[in-house]
Amino acid sequence: MATTTQSTTTLKATDRCDRCGAQAYVRVALPTGGELLFCGHHFRDHEAPLRQSGASILDETDRLAKRPEPVEDAE
């Protein structure tokens, strides 16, 4: 059974999906060692086998639905 973990290290805009190069929103630490980064689309494609393998998953795809807060111009 896989566990979804929360980490204090969030993904940055410079973290890219290992499959397609889009911005990564999911970090997967494999039980055998190593790490994979996925965009939301490619994580959904591979989620079931990754969870079954016991991988540790940091899923930040909830950030995709959030709209940025408006910023007022300084005068």
PDB file of N, CA and C in Angstrom:
ATOM      1  N   MET A   1       0.842  -1.179   0.000  1.00  0.00           N
ATOM      2  CA  MET A   1       0.000   0.000   0.000  1.00  0.00           C
ATOM      3  C   MET A   1       0.886   1.240   0.000  1.00  0.00           C
ATOM      4  N   ALA A   2       0.626   2.143  -0.877  1.00  0.00           N
ATOM      5  CA  ALA A   2       1.420   3.368  -0.989  1.00  0.00           C
ATOM      6  C   ALA A   2       0.912   4.407  -0.008  1.00  0.00           C
ATOM      7  N   THR A   3       1.816   5.264   0.378  1.00  0.00           N
ATOM      8  CA  THR A   3       1.413   6.363   1.237  1.00  0.00           C
ATOM      9  C   THR A   3       1.665   7.662   0.504  1.00  0.00           C
ATOM     10  N   THR A   4       0.764   8.581   0.664  1.00  0.00           N
ATOM     11  CA  THR A   4       0.958   9.913   0.118  1.00  0.00           C
ATOM     12  C   THR A   4       1.550  10.752   1.237  1.00  0.00           C
ATOM     13  N   THR A   5       2.692  11.331   0.991  1.00  0.00           N
ATOM     14  CA  THR A   5       3.366  12.082   2.029  1.00  0.00           C
ATOM     15  C   THR A   5       3.329  13.561   1.714  1.00  0.00           C
ATOM     16  N   GLN A   6       3.387  14.347   2.742  1.00  0.00           N
ATOM     17  CA  GLN A   6       3.502  15.782   2.582  1.00  0.00           C
ATOM     18  C   GLN A   6       4.938  16.154   2.902  1.00  0.00           C
ATOM     19  N   SER A   7       5.482  17.031   2.146  1.00  0.00           N
ATOM     20  CA  SER A   7       6.862  17.443   2.324  1.00  0.00           C
ATOM     21  C   SER A   7       6.909  18.944   2.488  1.00  0.00           C
ATOM     22  N   THR A   8       7.931  19.417   3.192  1.00  0.00           N
ATOM     23  CA  THR A   8       8.099  20.858   3.311  1.00  0.00           C
ATOM     24  C   THR A   8       8.743  21.419   2.050  1.00  0.00           C
ATOM     25  N   THR A   9       9.270  20.552   1.203  1.00  0.00           N
ATOM     26  CA  THR A   9       9.878  20.976  -0.047  1.00  0.00           C
ATOM     27  C   THR A   9       8.827  20.915  -1.147  1.00  0.00           C
ATOM     28  N   THR A  10       8.293  22.067  -1.511  1.00  0.00           N
ATOM     29  CA  THR A  10       7.288  22.096  -2.566  1.00  0.00           C
ATOM     30  C   THR A  10       7.982  22.141  -3.923  1.00  0.00           C
ATOM     31  N   LEU A  11       7.251  21.768  -4.917  1.00  0.00           N
ATOM     32  CA  LEU A  11       7.783  21.804  -6.273  1.00  0.00           C
ATOM     33  C   LEU A  11       7.824  23.241  -6.770  1.00  0.00           C
ATOM     34  N   LYS A  12       8.817  23.531  -7.570  1.00  0.00           N
ATOM     35  CA  LYS A  12       9.000  24.880  -8.108  1.00  0.00           C
ATOM     36  C   LYS A  12       8.646  24.902  -9.595  1.00  0.00           C
ATOM     37  N   ALA A  13       8.526  26.078 -10.150  1.00  0.00           N
ATOM     38  CA  ALA A  13       8.223  26.225 -11.576  1.00  0.00           C
ATOM     39  C   ALA A  13       9.338  25.639 -12.439  1.00  0.00           C
ATOM     40  N   THR A  14      10.526  25.530 -11.905  1.00  0.00           N
ATOM     41  CA  THR A  14      11.651  24.975 -12.667  1.00  0.00           C
ATOM     42  C   THR A  14      11.675  23.453 -12.639  1.00  0.00           C
ATOM     43  N   ASP A  15      10.848  22.815 -11.782  1.00  0.00           N
ATOM     44  CA  ASP A  15      10.752  21.348 -11.761  1.00  0.00           C
ATOM     45  C   ASP A  15       9.897  20.915 -12.946  1.00  0.00           C
ATOM     46  N   ARG A  16      10.430  20.026 -13.759  1.00  0.00           N
ATOM     47  CA  ARG A  16       9.765  19.646 -15.002  1.00  0.00           C
ATOM     48  C   ARG A  16       9.410  18.164 -15.017  1.00  0.00           C
ATOM     49  N   CYS A  17       8.319  17.839 -15.682  1.00  0.00           N
ATOM     50  CA  CYS A  17       7.857  16.463 -15.841  1.00  0.00           C
ATOM     51  C   CYS A  17       8.917  15.650 -16.594  1.00  0.00           C
ATOM     52  N   ASP A  18       9.265  14.495 -16.049  1.00  0.00           N
ATOM     53  CA  ASP A  18      10.241  13.629 -16.698  1.00  0.00           C
ATOM     54  C   ASP A  18       9.717  13.035 -18.003  1.00  0.00           C
ATOM     55  N   ARG A  19       8.430  13.055 -18.199  1.00  0.00           N
ATOM     56  CA  ARG A  19       7.835  12.450 -19.389  1.00  0.00           C
ATOM     57  C   ARG A  19       7.723  13.448 -20.544  1.00  0.00           C
ATOM     58  N   CYS A  20       7.269  14.694 -20.244  1.00  0.00           N
ATOM     59  CA  CYS A  20       6.994  15.621 -21.346  1.00  0.00           C
ATOM     60  C   CYS A  20       7.651  16.995 -21.193  1.00  0.00           C
ATOM     61  N   GLY A  21       8.205  17.306 -20.032  1.00  0.00           N
ATOM     62  CA  GLY A  21       8.864  18.589 -19.840  1.00  0.00           C
ATOM     63  C   GLY A  21       7.966  19.710 -19.349  1.00  0.00           C
ATOM     64  N   ALA A  22       6.668  19.431 -19.148  1.00  0.00           N
ATOM     65  CA  ALA A  22       5.769  20.449 -18.596  1.00  0.00           C
ATOM     66  C   ALA A  22       6.099  20.659 -17.117  1.00  0.00           C
ATOM     67  N   GLN A  23       5.525  21.692 -16.516  1.00  0.00           N
ATOM     68  CA  GLN A  23       5.774  21.932 -15.100  1.00  0.00           C
ATOM     69  C   GLN A  23       5.300  20.737 -14.278  1.00  0.00           C
ATOM     70  N   ALA A  24       6.144  20.292 -13.362  1.00  0.00           N
ATOM     71  CA  ALA A  24       5.820  19.141 -12.510  1.00  0.00           C
ATOM     72  C   ALA A  24       4.999  19.582 -11.307  1.00  0.00           C
ATOM     73  N   TYR A  25       3.972  18.805 -11.018  1.00  0.00           N
ATOM     74  CA  TYR A  25       3.137  19.036  -9.843  1.00  0.00           C
ATOM     75  C   TYR A  25       3.118  17.821  -8.922  1.00  0.00           C
ATOM     76  N   VAL A  26       3.836  16.765  -9.299  1.00  0.00           N
ATOM     77  CA  VAL A  26       3.892  15.546  -8.491  1.00  0.00           C
ATOM     78  C   VAL A  26       5.331  15.047  -8.436  1.00  0.00           C
ATOM     79  N   ARG A  27       5.797  14.772  -7.216  1.00  0.00           N
ATOM     80  CA  ARG A  27       7.118  14.157  -7.011  1.00  0.00           C
ATOM     81  C   ARG A  27       6.881  12.763  -6.455  1.00  0.00           C
ATOM     82  N   VAL A  28       7.509  11.755  -7.080  1.00  0.00           N
ATOM     83  CA  VAL A  28       7.362  10.369  -6.664  1.00  0.00           C
ATOM     84  C   VAL A  28       8.729   9.840  -6.253  1.00  0.00           C
ATOM     85  N   ALA A  29       8.846   9.400  -5.001  1.00  0.00           N
ATOM     86  CA  ALA A  29      10.067   8.752  -4.520  1.00  0.00           C
ATOM     87  C   ALA A  29       9.826   7.250  -4.597  1.00  0.00           C
ATOM     88  N   LEU A  30      10.593   6.579  -5.432  1.00  0.00           N
ATOM     89  CA  LEU A  30      10.416   5.147  -5.641  1.00  0.00           C
ATOM     90  C   LEU A  30      10.977   4.359  -4.467  1.00  0.00           C
ATOM     91  N   PRO A  31      10.335   3.236  -4.109  1.00  0.00           N
ATOM     92  CA  PRO A  31      10.818   2.448  -2.977  1.00  0.00           C
ATOM     93  C   PRO A  31      12.197   1.834  -3.228  1.00  0.00           C
ATOM     94  N   THR A  32      12.565   1.683  -4.475  1.00  0.00           N
ATOM     95  CA  THR A  32      13.871   1.118  -4.820  1.00  0.00           C
ATOM     96  C   THR A  32      14.947   2.187  -4.932  1.00  0.00           C
ATOM     97  N   GLY A  33      14.558   3.431  -4.700  1.00  0.00           N
ATOM     98  CA  GLY A  33      15.467   4.559  -4.825  1.00  0.00           C
ATOM     99  C   GLY A  33      15.161   5.334  -6.092  1.00  0.00           C
ATOM    100  N   GLY A  34      15.538   6.560  -6.115  1.00  0.00           N
ATOM    101  CA  GLY A  34      15.266   7.400  -7.276  1.00  0.00           C
ATOM    102  C   GLY A  34      13.998   8.197  -7.104  1.00  0.00           C
ATOM    103  N   GLU A  35      13.840   9.141  -7.984  1.00  0.00           N
ATOM    104  CA  GLU A  35      12.725  10.068  -7.910  1.00  0.00           C
ATOM    105  C   GLU A  35      12.237  10.377  -9.325  1.00  0.00           C
ATOM    106  N   LEU A  36      10.942  10.536  -9.448  1.00  0.00           N
ATOM    107  CA  LEU A  36      10.336  10.922 -10.715  1.00  0.00           C
ATOM    108  C   LEU A  36       9.495  12.167 -10.494  1.00  0.00           C
ATOM    109  N   LEU A  37       9.439  13.027 -11.494  1.00  0.00           N
ATOM    110  CA  LEU A  37       8.589  14.210 -11.473  1.00  0.00           C
ATOM    111  C   LEU A  37       7.577  14.082 -12.605  1.00  0.00           C
ATOM    112  N   PHE A  38       6.330  14.428 -12.300  1.00  0.00           N
ATOM    113  CA  PHE A  38       5.267  14.315 -13.299  1.00  0.00           C
ATOM    114  C   PHE A  38       4.400  15.564 -13.326  1.00  0.00           C
ATOM    115  N   CYS A  39       3.904  15.903 -14.517  1.00  0.00           N
ATOM    116  CA  CYS A  39       2.819  16.865 -14.630  1.00  0.00           C
ATOM    117  C   CYS A  39       1.555  16.126 -14.173  1.00  0.00           C
ATOM    118  N   GLY A  40       0.465  16.835 -13.991  1.00  0.00           N
ATOM    119  CA  GLY A  40      -0.771  16.197 -13.543  1.00  0.00           C
ATOM    120  C   GLY A  40      -1.253  15.118 -14.502  1.00  0.00           C
ATOM    121  N   HIS A  41      -1.190  15.396 -15.789  1.00  0.00           N
ATOM    122  CA  HIS A  41      -1.664  14.460 -16.813  1.00  0.00           C
ATOM    123  C   HIS A  41      -0.894  13.140 -16.762  1.00  0.00           C
ATOM    124  N   HIS A  42       0.415  13.199 -16.767  1.00  0.00           N
ATOM    125  CA  HIS A  42       1.205  11.970 -16.787  1.00  0.00           C
ATOM    126  C   HIS A  42       1.177  11.238 -15.449  1.00  0.00           C
ATOM    127  N   PHE A  43       0.995  11.966 -14.343  1.00  0.00           N
ATOM    128  CA  PHE A  43       0.832  11.271 -13.068  1.00  0.00           C
ATOM    129  C   PHE A  43      -0.448  10.450 -13.080  1.00  0.00           C
ATOM    130  N   ARG A  44      -1.549  11.031 -13.579  1.00  0.00           N
ATOM    131  CA  ARG A  44      -2.807  10.275 -13.646  1.00  0.00           C
ATOM    132  C   ARG A  44      -2.643   9.027 -14.507  1.00  0.00           C
ATOM    133  N   ASP A  45      -1.869   9.127 -15.586  1.00  0.00           N
ATOM    134  CA  ASP A  45      -1.626   7.963 -16.447  1.00  0.00           C
ATOM    135  C   ASP A  45      -0.890   6.844 -15.717  1.00  0.00           C
ATOM    136  N   HIS A  46      -0.014   7.188 -14.773  1.00  0.00           N
ATOM    137  CA  HIS A  46       0.851   6.206 -14.118  1.00  0.00           C
ATOM    138  C   HIS A  46       0.555   6.028 -12.630  1.00  0.00           C
ATOM    139  N   GLU A  47      -0.481   6.690 -12.126  1.00  0.00           N
ATOM    140  CA  GLU A  47      -0.744   6.709 -10.687  1.00  0.00           C
ATOM    141  C   GLU A  47      -0.971   5.322 -10.084  1.00  0.00           C
ATOM    142  N   ALA A  48      -1.824   4.514 -10.673  1.00  0.00           N
ATOM    143  CA  ALA A  48      -2.164   3.212 -10.075  1.00  0.00           C
ATOM    144  C   ALA A  48      -0.937   2.325  -9.849  1.00  0.00           C
ATOM    145  N   PRO A  49      -0.097   2.104 -10.867  1.00  0.00           N
ATOM    146  CA  PRO A  49       1.068   1.241 -10.608  1.00  0.00           C
ATOM    147  C   PRO A  49       2.068   1.860  -9.629  1.00  0.00           C
ATOM    148  N   LEU A  50       2.174   3.170  -9.626  1.00  0.00           N
ATOM    149  CA  LEU A  50       3.087   3.818  -8.675  1.00  0.00           C
ATOM    150  C   LEU A  50       2.603   3.625  -7.243  1.00  0.00           C
ATOM    151  N   ARG A  51       1.320   3.786  -7.026  1.00  0.00           N
ATOM    152  CA  ARG A  51       0.766   3.574  -5.680  1.00  0.00           C
ATOM    153  C   ARG A  51       0.923   2.110  -5.265  1.00  0.00           C
ATOM    154  N   GLN A  52       0.680   1.188  -6.188  1.00  0.00           N
ATOM    155  CA  GLN A  52       0.812  -0.238  -5.884  1.00  0.00           C
ATOM    156  C   GLN A  52       2.250  -0.617  -5.552  1.00  0.00           C
ATOM    157  N   SER A  53       3.207   0.121  -6.084  1.00  0.00           N
ATOM    158  CA  SER A  53       4.620  -0.192  -5.847  1.00  0.00           C
ATOM    159  C   SER A  53       5.088   0.264  -4.470  1.00  0.00           C
ATOM    160  N   GLY A  54       4.276   1.070  -3.779  1.00  0.00           N
ATOM    161  CA  GLY A  54       4.663   1.574  -2.473  1.00  0.00           C
ATOM    162  C   GLY A  54       5.439   2.871  -2.542  1.00  0.00           C
ATOM    163  N   ALA A  55       5.357   3.556  -3.666  1.00  0.00           N
ATOM    164  CA  ALA A  55       6.061   4.831  -3.841  1.00  0.00           C
ATOM    165  C   ALA A  55       5.513   5.881  -2.885  1.00  0.00           C
ATOM    166  N   SER A  56       6.373   6.790  -2.506  1.00  0.00           N
ATOM    167  CA  SER A  56       6.000   7.932  -1.675  1.00  0.00           C
ATOM    168  C   SER A  56       5.675   9.086  -2.616  1.00  0.00           C
ATOM    169  N   ILE A  57       4.500   9.681  -2.479  1.00  0.00           N
ATOM    170  CA  ILE A  57       4.005  10.635  -3.473  1.00  0.00           C
ATOM    171  C   ILE A  57       3.711  11.991  -2.839  1.00  0.00           C
ATOM    172  N   LEU A  58       4.278  13.033  -3.416  1.00  0.00           N
ATOM    173  CA  LEU A  58       3.949  14.409  -3.061  1.00  0.00           C
ATOM    174  C   LEU A  58       3.121  14.951  -4.217  1.00  0.00           C
ATOM    175  N   ASP A  59       1.827  15.117  -3.995  1.00  0.00           N
ATOM    176  CA  ASP A  59       0.892  15.528  -5.042  1.00  0.00           C
ATOM    177  C   ASP A  59       0.455  16.966  -4.790  1.00  0.00           C
ATOM    178  N   GLU A  60       0.869  17.870  -5.653  1.00  0.00           N
ATOM    179  CA  GLU A  60       0.493  19.278  -5.544  1.00  0.00           C
ATOM    180  C   GLU A  60      -0.428  19.699  -6.685  1.00  0.00           C
ATOM    181  N   THR A  61      -1.135  18.744  -7.274  1.00  0.00           N
ATOM    182  CA  THR A  61      -2.013  19.072  -8.395  1.00  0.00           C
ATOM    183  C   THR A  61      -3.166  19.978  -7.983  1.00  0.00           C
ATOM    184  N   ASP A  62      -3.441  20.080  -6.668  1.00  0.00           N
ATOM    185  CA  ASP A  62      -4.490  20.994  -6.230  1.00  0.00           C
ATOM    186  C   ASP A  62      -4.135  22.444  -6.558  1.00  0.00           C
ATOM    187  N   ARG A  63      -2.855  22.730  -6.749  1.00  0.00           N
ATOM    188  CA  ARG A  63      -2.428  24.079  -7.136  1.00  0.00           C
ATOM    189  C   ARG A  63      -2.880  24.435  -8.552  1.00  0.00           C
ATOM    190  N   LEU A  64      -3.189  23.469  -9.366  1.00  0.00           N
ATOM    191  CA  LEU A  64      -3.607  23.729 -10.745  1.00  0.00           C
ATOM    192  C   LEU A  64      -4.944  24.461 -10.810  1.00  0.00           C
ATOM    193  N   ALA A  65      -5.822  24.223  -9.867  1.00  0.00           N
ATOM    194  CA  ALA A  65      -7.152  24.824  -9.899  1.00  0.00           C
ATOM    195  C   ALA A  65      -7.194  26.189  -9.245  1.00  0.00           C
ATOM    196  N   LYS A  66      -6.175  26.544  -8.529  1.00  0.00           N
ATOM    197  CA  LYS A  66      -6.178  27.825  -7.826  1.00  0.00           C
ATOM    198  C   LYS A  66      -5.833  28.963  -8.776  1.00  0.00           C
ATOM    199  N   ARG A  67      -6.530  30.062  -8.585  1.00  0.00           N
ATOM    200  CA  ARG A  67      -6.220  31.261  -9.356  1.00  0.00           C
ATOM    201  C   ARG A  67      -5.332  32.144  -8.499  1.00  0.00           C
ATOM    202  N   PRO A  68      -4.366  32.799  -9.102  1.00  0.00           N
ATOM    203  CA  PRO A  68      -3.508  33.682  -8.319  1.00  0.00           C
ATOM    204  C   PRO A  68      -4.289  34.855  -7.732  1.00  0.00           C
ATOM    205  N   GLU A  69      -3.861  35.286  -6.580  1.00  0.00           N
ATOM    206  CA  GLU A  69      -4.487  36.435  -5.942  1.00  0.00           C
ATOM    207  C   GLU A  69      -4.100  37.700  -6.724  1.00  0.00           C
ATOM    208  N   PRO A  70      -5.028  38.622  -6.924  1.00  0.00           N
ATOM    209  CA  PRO A  70      -4.701  39.859  -7.620  1.00  0.00           C
ATOM    210  C   PRO A  70      -3.722  40.694  -6.773  1.00  0.00           C
ATOM    211  N   VAL A  71      -2.842  41.368  -7.447  1.00  0.00           N
ATOM    212  CA  VAL A  71      -1.862  42.209  -6.785  1.00  0.00           C
ATOM    213  C   VAL A  71      -2.140  43.648  -7.164  1.00  0.00           C
ATOM    214  N   GLU A  72      -2.205  44.498  -6.162  1.00  0.00           N
ATOM    215  CA  GLU A  72      -2.437  45.918  -6.426  1.00  0.00           C
ATOM    216  C   GLU A  72      -1.115  46.585  -6.765  1.00  0.00           C
ATOM    217  N   ASP A  73      -1.143  47.469  -7.733  1.00  0.00           N
ATOM    218  CA  ASP A  73       0.055  48.220  -8.109  1.00  0.00           C
ATOM    219  C   ASP A  73       0.421  49.195  -6.995  1.00  0.00           C
ATOM    220  N   ALA A  74       1.719  49.272  -6.721  1.00  0.00           N
ATOM    221  CA  ALA A  74       2.184  50.241  -5.739  1.00  0.00           C
ATOM    222  C   ALA A  74       2.235  51.616  -6.409  1.00  0.00           C
ATOM    223  N   GLU A  75       1.803  52.611  -5.694  1.00  0.00           N
ATOM    224  CA  GLU A  75       1.807  53.961  -6.268  1.00  0.00           C
ATOM    225  C   GLU A  75       2.942  54.762  -5.735  1.00  0.00           C
TER     226      GLU A  75
END
